[in-house]
Amino acid sequence: MSGIYPQLTCKEVKQILKTLGFEPRPRTSTSHEQWVKKENGRLFKVTVDCPKSPFSPDLISSMHKQAGVSKKEFYAALKK
C-alpha cells in the first residue's frame, strides 16, 4: 500500500464520485453499484463493488479510468 495513494473504502469512493459529479443509478439485484455522469456528450460509468472494500490499487485504477480522471484527480476529490 502506498502512502501517497492508500486503499479506499466504499464510503470514500462514493464521496469522491459525488464530488466529481456522479450520481448513483437505481440498484438492481446485484452488489455492484453503477455511478454515472454525462459530460460534453459523453457518458461516464463507474462500477463500485462495495463488498470488495477496501479497494486494491488495481480496482482504484480501474475506477479512476472509468471516471475519466487521473489517479491524482481522483484522490484530490476526496479532500474537497
N, C-alpha and C. Protein backbone atom coordinates (compact mmCIF):
# COMPACT_ATOMS: atom_id res chain seq x y z
N MET A 1 0.85 -1.18 0.00
CA MET A 1 0.00 0.00 0.00
C MET A 1 0.88 1.23 0.00
N SER A 2 0.59 2.16 -0.88
CA SER A 2 1.37 3.38 -0.99
C SER A 2 0.85 4.45 -0.05
N GLY A 3 1.77 5.24 0.53
CA GLY A 3 1.36 6.33 1.40
C GLY A 3 0.71 7.45 0.62
N ILE A 4 1.12 7.63 -0.63
CA ILE A 4 0.54 8.69 -1.45
C ILE A 4 -0.87 8.31 -1.88
N TYR A 5 -1.05 7.07 -2.28
CA TYR A 5 -2.35 6.59 -2.75
C TYR A 5 -2.77 5.37 -1.92
N PRO A 6 -3.34 5.61 -0.74
CA PRO A 6 -3.74 4.49 0.12
C PRO A 6 -5.00 3.81 -0.41
N GLN A 7 -5.29 2.64 0.15
CA GLN A 7 -6.53 1.95 -0.19
C GLN A 7 -7.70 2.85 0.21
N LEU A 8 -8.81 2.69 -0.49
CA LEU A 8 -10.01 3.47 -0.21
C LEU A 8 -11.16 2.56 0.21
N THR A 9 -12.00 3.07 1.10
CA THR A 9 -13.20 2.34 1.50
C THR A 9 -14.33 2.67 0.53
N CYS A 10 -15.40 1.93 0.62
CA CYS A 10 -16.57 2.17 -0.23
C CYS A 10 -17.12 3.57 0.03
N LYS A 11 -17.20 3.96 1.29
CA LYS A 11 -17.71 5.28 1.66
C LYS A 11 -16.86 6.39 1.03
N GLU A 12 -15.55 6.23 1.04
CA GLU A 12 -14.65 7.23 0.46
C GLU A 12 -14.82 7.32 -1.06
N VAL A 13 -14.96 6.17 -1.72
CA VAL A 13 -15.14 6.17 -3.18
C VAL A 13 -16.46 6.85 -3.55
N LYS A 14 -17.52 6.58 -2.79
CA LYS A 14 -18.80 7.23 -3.06
C LYS A 14 -18.69 8.74 -2.88
N GLN A 15 -17.96 9.17 -1.86
CA GLN A 15 -17.75 10.60 -1.63
C GLN A 15 -17.00 11.23 -2.81
N ILE A 16 -15.97 10.55 -3.29
CA ILE A 16 -15.19 11.03 -4.44
C ILE A 16 -16.10 11.17 -5.66
N LEU A 17 -16.89 10.14 -5.93
CA LEU A 17 -17.75 10.17 -7.11
C LEU A 17 -18.78 11.29 -7.03
N LYS A 18 -19.36 11.52 -5.85
CA LYS A 18 -20.30 12.63 -5.68
C LYS A 18 -19.60 13.96 -5.94
N THR A 19 -18.39 14.12 -5.42
CA THR A 19 -17.63 15.35 -5.63
C THR A 19 -17.35 15.57 -7.11
N LEU A 20 -17.10 14.49 -7.84
CA LEU A 20 -16.81 14.58 -9.27
C LEU A 20 -18.07 14.75 -10.13
N GLY A 21 -19.24 14.75 -9.49
CA GLY A 21 -20.49 14.98 -10.23
C GLY A 21 -21.23 13.74 -10.66
N PHE A 22 -20.86 12.59 -10.14
CA PHE A 22 -21.53 11.34 -10.48
C PHE A 22 -22.77 11.16 -9.61
N GLU A 23 -23.75 10.43 -10.15
CA GLU A 23 -24.96 10.08 -9.42
C GLU A 23 -25.16 8.57 -9.49
N PRO A 24 -25.67 7.99 -8.39
CA PRO A 24 -25.89 6.53 -8.43
C PRO A 24 -27.11 6.19 -9.28
N ARG A 25 -26.99 5.10 -10.02
CA ARG A 25 -28.14 4.56 -10.75
C ARG A 25 -28.95 3.73 -9.77
N PRO A 26 -30.25 3.59 -10.02
CA PRO A 26 -31.04 2.71 -9.15
C PRO A 26 -30.44 1.31 -9.12
N ARG A 27 -30.42 0.73 -7.94
CA ARG A 27 -29.80 -0.59 -7.77
C ARG A 27 -30.71 -1.69 -8.29
N THR A 28 -30.06 -2.74 -8.77
CA THR A 28 -30.78 -3.94 -9.18
C THR A 28 -30.42 -5.04 -8.19
N SER A 29 -30.56 -6.26 -8.57
CA SER A 29 -30.32 -7.37 -7.65
C SER A 29 -28.85 -7.79 -7.63
N THR A 30 -27.95 -6.84 -7.72
CA THR A 30 -26.52 -7.15 -7.70
C THR A 30 -25.83 -6.29 -6.65
N SER A 31 -24.66 -6.73 -6.22
CA SER A 31 -23.91 -5.95 -5.23
C SER A 31 -23.16 -4.79 -5.88
N HIS A 32 -23.07 -4.80 -7.20
CA HIS A 32 -22.35 -3.75 -7.92
C HIS A 32 -23.23 -2.51 -8.06
N GLU A 33 -22.67 -1.37 -7.68
CA GLU A 33 -23.36 -0.10 -7.88
C GLU A 33 -22.81 0.56 -9.14
N GLN A 34 -23.69 1.21 -9.89
CA GLN A 34 -23.29 1.95 -11.08
C GLN A 34 -23.46 3.44 -10.78
N TRP A 35 -22.40 4.20 -10.99
CA TRP A 35 -22.42 5.66 -10.83
C TRP A 35 -22.21 6.26 -12.21
N VAL A 36 -23.05 7.23 -12.58
CA VAL A 36 -22.99 7.78 -13.93
C VAL A 36 -22.89 9.31 -13.92
N LYS A 37 -22.30 9.81 -15.01
CA LYS A 37 -22.19 11.26 -15.22
C LYS A 37 -22.12 11.50 -16.71
N LYS A 38 -22.91 12.48 -17.17
CA LYS A 38 -22.83 12.91 -18.57
C LYS A 38 -22.05 14.21 -18.60
N GLU A 39 -21.06 14.26 -19.50
CA GLU A 39 -20.23 15.45 -19.61
C GLU A 39 -19.77 15.59 -21.06
N ASN A 40 -20.03 16.75 -21.65
CA ASN A 40 -19.63 17.03 -23.03
C ASN A 40 -20.09 15.94 -24.00
N GLY A 41 -21.33 15.47 -23.80
CA GLY A 41 -21.88 14.45 -24.69
C GLY A 41 -21.38 13.04 -24.45
N ARG A 42 -20.55 12.86 -23.44
CA ARG A 42 -20.03 11.52 -23.11
C ARG A 42 -20.69 11.00 -21.84
N LEU A 43 -20.89 9.71 -21.78
CA LEU A 43 -21.43 9.07 -20.59
C LEU A 43 -20.29 8.33 -19.90
N PHE A 44 -20.03 8.70 -18.66
CA PHE A 44 -19.03 8.01 -17.85
C PHE A 44 -19.78 7.13 -16.86
N LYS A 45 -19.35 5.88 -16.74
CA LYS A 45 -20.00 4.93 -15.83
C LYS A 45 -18.93 4.24 -15.01
N VAL A 46 -19.07 4.34 -13.68
CA VAL A 46 -18.11 3.73 -12.76
C VAL A 46 -18.82 2.62 -11.99
N THR A 47 -18.23 1.44 -11.97
CA THR A 47 -18.78 0.32 -11.23
C THR A 47 -18.08 0.24 -9.88
N VAL A 48 -18.89 0.18 -8.82
CA VAL A 48 -18.37 0.10 -7.45
C VAL A 48 -18.93 -1.16 -6.81
N ASP A 49 -18.06 -2.04 -6.36
CA ASP A 49 -18.46 -3.30 -5.72
C ASP A 49 -18.06 -3.23 -4.25
N CYS A 50 -18.97 -2.70 -3.42
CA CYS A 50 -18.65 -2.43 -2.01
C CYS A 50 -18.17 -3.65 -1.21
N PRO A 51 -18.65 -4.87 -1.48
CA PRO A 51 -18.11 -6.00 -0.73
C PRO A 51 -16.60 -6.20 -0.92
N LYS A 52 -16.01 -5.61 -1.95
CA LYS A 52 -14.57 -5.72 -2.18
C LYS A 52 -13.78 -4.66 -1.41
N SER A 53 -14.45 -3.81 -0.65
CA SER A 53 -13.80 -2.72 0.09
C SER A 53 -13.01 -3.29 1.26
N PRO A 54 -11.85 -2.73 1.63
CA PRO A 54 -11.17 -1.61 0.99
C PRO A 54 -10.60 -2.03 -0.36
N PHE A 55 -10.64 -1.09 -1.30
CA PHE A 55 -10.30 -1.39 -2.68
C PHE A 55 -8.79 -1.44 -2.91
N SER A 56 -8.38 -2.41 -3.69
CA SER A 56 -6.96 -2.58 -4.04
C SER A 56 -6.55 -1.50 -5.04
N PRO A 57 -5.24 -1.28 -5.19
CA PRO A 57 -4.77 -0.31 -6.18
C PRO A 57 -5.27 -0.60 -7.59
N ASP A 58 -5.40 -1.88 -7.95
CA ASP A 58 -5.90 -2.24 -9.28
C ASP A 58 -7.36 -1.81 -9.48
N LEU A 59 -8.19 -2.01 -8.46
CA LEU A 59 -9.59 -1.60 -8.58
C LEU A 59 -9.72 -0.08 -8.60
N ILE A 60 -8.92 0.60 -7.79
CA ILE A 60 -8.95 2.06 -7.78
C ILE A 60 -8.51 2.59 -9.14
N SER A 61 -7.50 1.97 -9.72
CA SER A 61 -7.03 2.37 -11.05
C SER A 61 -8.15 2.21 -12.08
N SER A 62 -8.86 1.12 -12.01
CA SER A 62 -9.98 0.89 -12.93
C SER A 62 -11.07 1.94 -12.74
N MET A 63 -11.39 2.26 -11.49
CA MET A 63 -12.44 3.23 -11.21
C MET A 63 -12.07 4.63 -11.70
N HIS A 64 -10.82 5.07 -11.47
CA HIS A 64 -10.48 6.43 -11.91
C HIS A 64 -10.46 6.51 -13.43
N LYS A 65 -10.10 5.42 -14.10
CA LYS A 65 -10.13 5.42 -15.57
C LYS A 65 -11.58 5.45 -16.08
N GLN A 66 -12.46 4.70 -15.43
CA GLN A 66 -13.88 4.71 -15.81
C GLN A 66 -14.47 6.11 -15.60
N ALA A 67 -13.97 6.83 -14.58
CA ALA A 67 -14.47 8.18 -14.28
C ALA A 67 -13.89 9.23 -15.22
N GLY A 68 -12.87 8.86 -15.98
CA GLY A 68 -12.27 9.79 -16.93
C GLY A 68 -11.34 10.82 -16.30
N VAL A 69 -10.76 10.46 -15.15
CA VAL A 69 -9.83 11.37 -14.47
C VAL A 69 -8.55 10.62 -14.11
N SER A 70 -7.50 11.37 -13.79
CA SER A 70 -6.24 10.75 -13.37
C SER A 70 -6.37 10.27 -11.93
N LYS A 71 -5.44 9.43 -11.53
CA LYS A 71 -5.43 8.94 -10.15
C LYS A 71 -5.28 10.11 -9.19
N LYS A 72 -4.43 11.07 -9.55
CA LYS A 72 -4.21 12.26 -8.72
C LYS A 72 -5.51 13.05 -8.54
N GLU A 73 -6.25 13.25 -9.63
CA GLU A 73 -7.53 13.97 -9.57
C GLU A 73 -8.56 13.18 -8.75
N PHE A 74 -8.55 11.87 -8.88
CA PHE A 74 -9.48 11.01 -8.15
C PHE A 74 -9.27 11.16 -6.64
N TYR A 75 -8.01 11.07 -6.20
CA TYR A 75 -7.71 11.21 -4.78
C TYR A 75 -7.92 12.64 -4.29
N ALA A 76 -7.64 13.63 -5.15
CA ALA A 76 -7.83 15.03 -4.77
C ALA A 76 -9.30 15.33 -4.47
N ALA A 77 -10.21 14.64 -5.15
CA ALA A 77 -11.65 14.85 -4.93
C ALA A 77 -12.07 14.41 -3.53
N LEU A 78 -11.31 13.53 -2.91
CA LEU A 78 -11.61 13.09 -1.55
C LEU A 78 -11.36 14.21 -0.55
N LYS A 79 -10.43 15.08 -0.85
CA LYS A 79 -10.04 16.14 0.07
C LYS A 79 -10.88 17.41 -0.07
N LYS A 80 -11.80 17.43 -1.04
CA LYS A 80 -12.62 18.63 -1.26
C LYS A 80 -13.81 18.66 -0.35
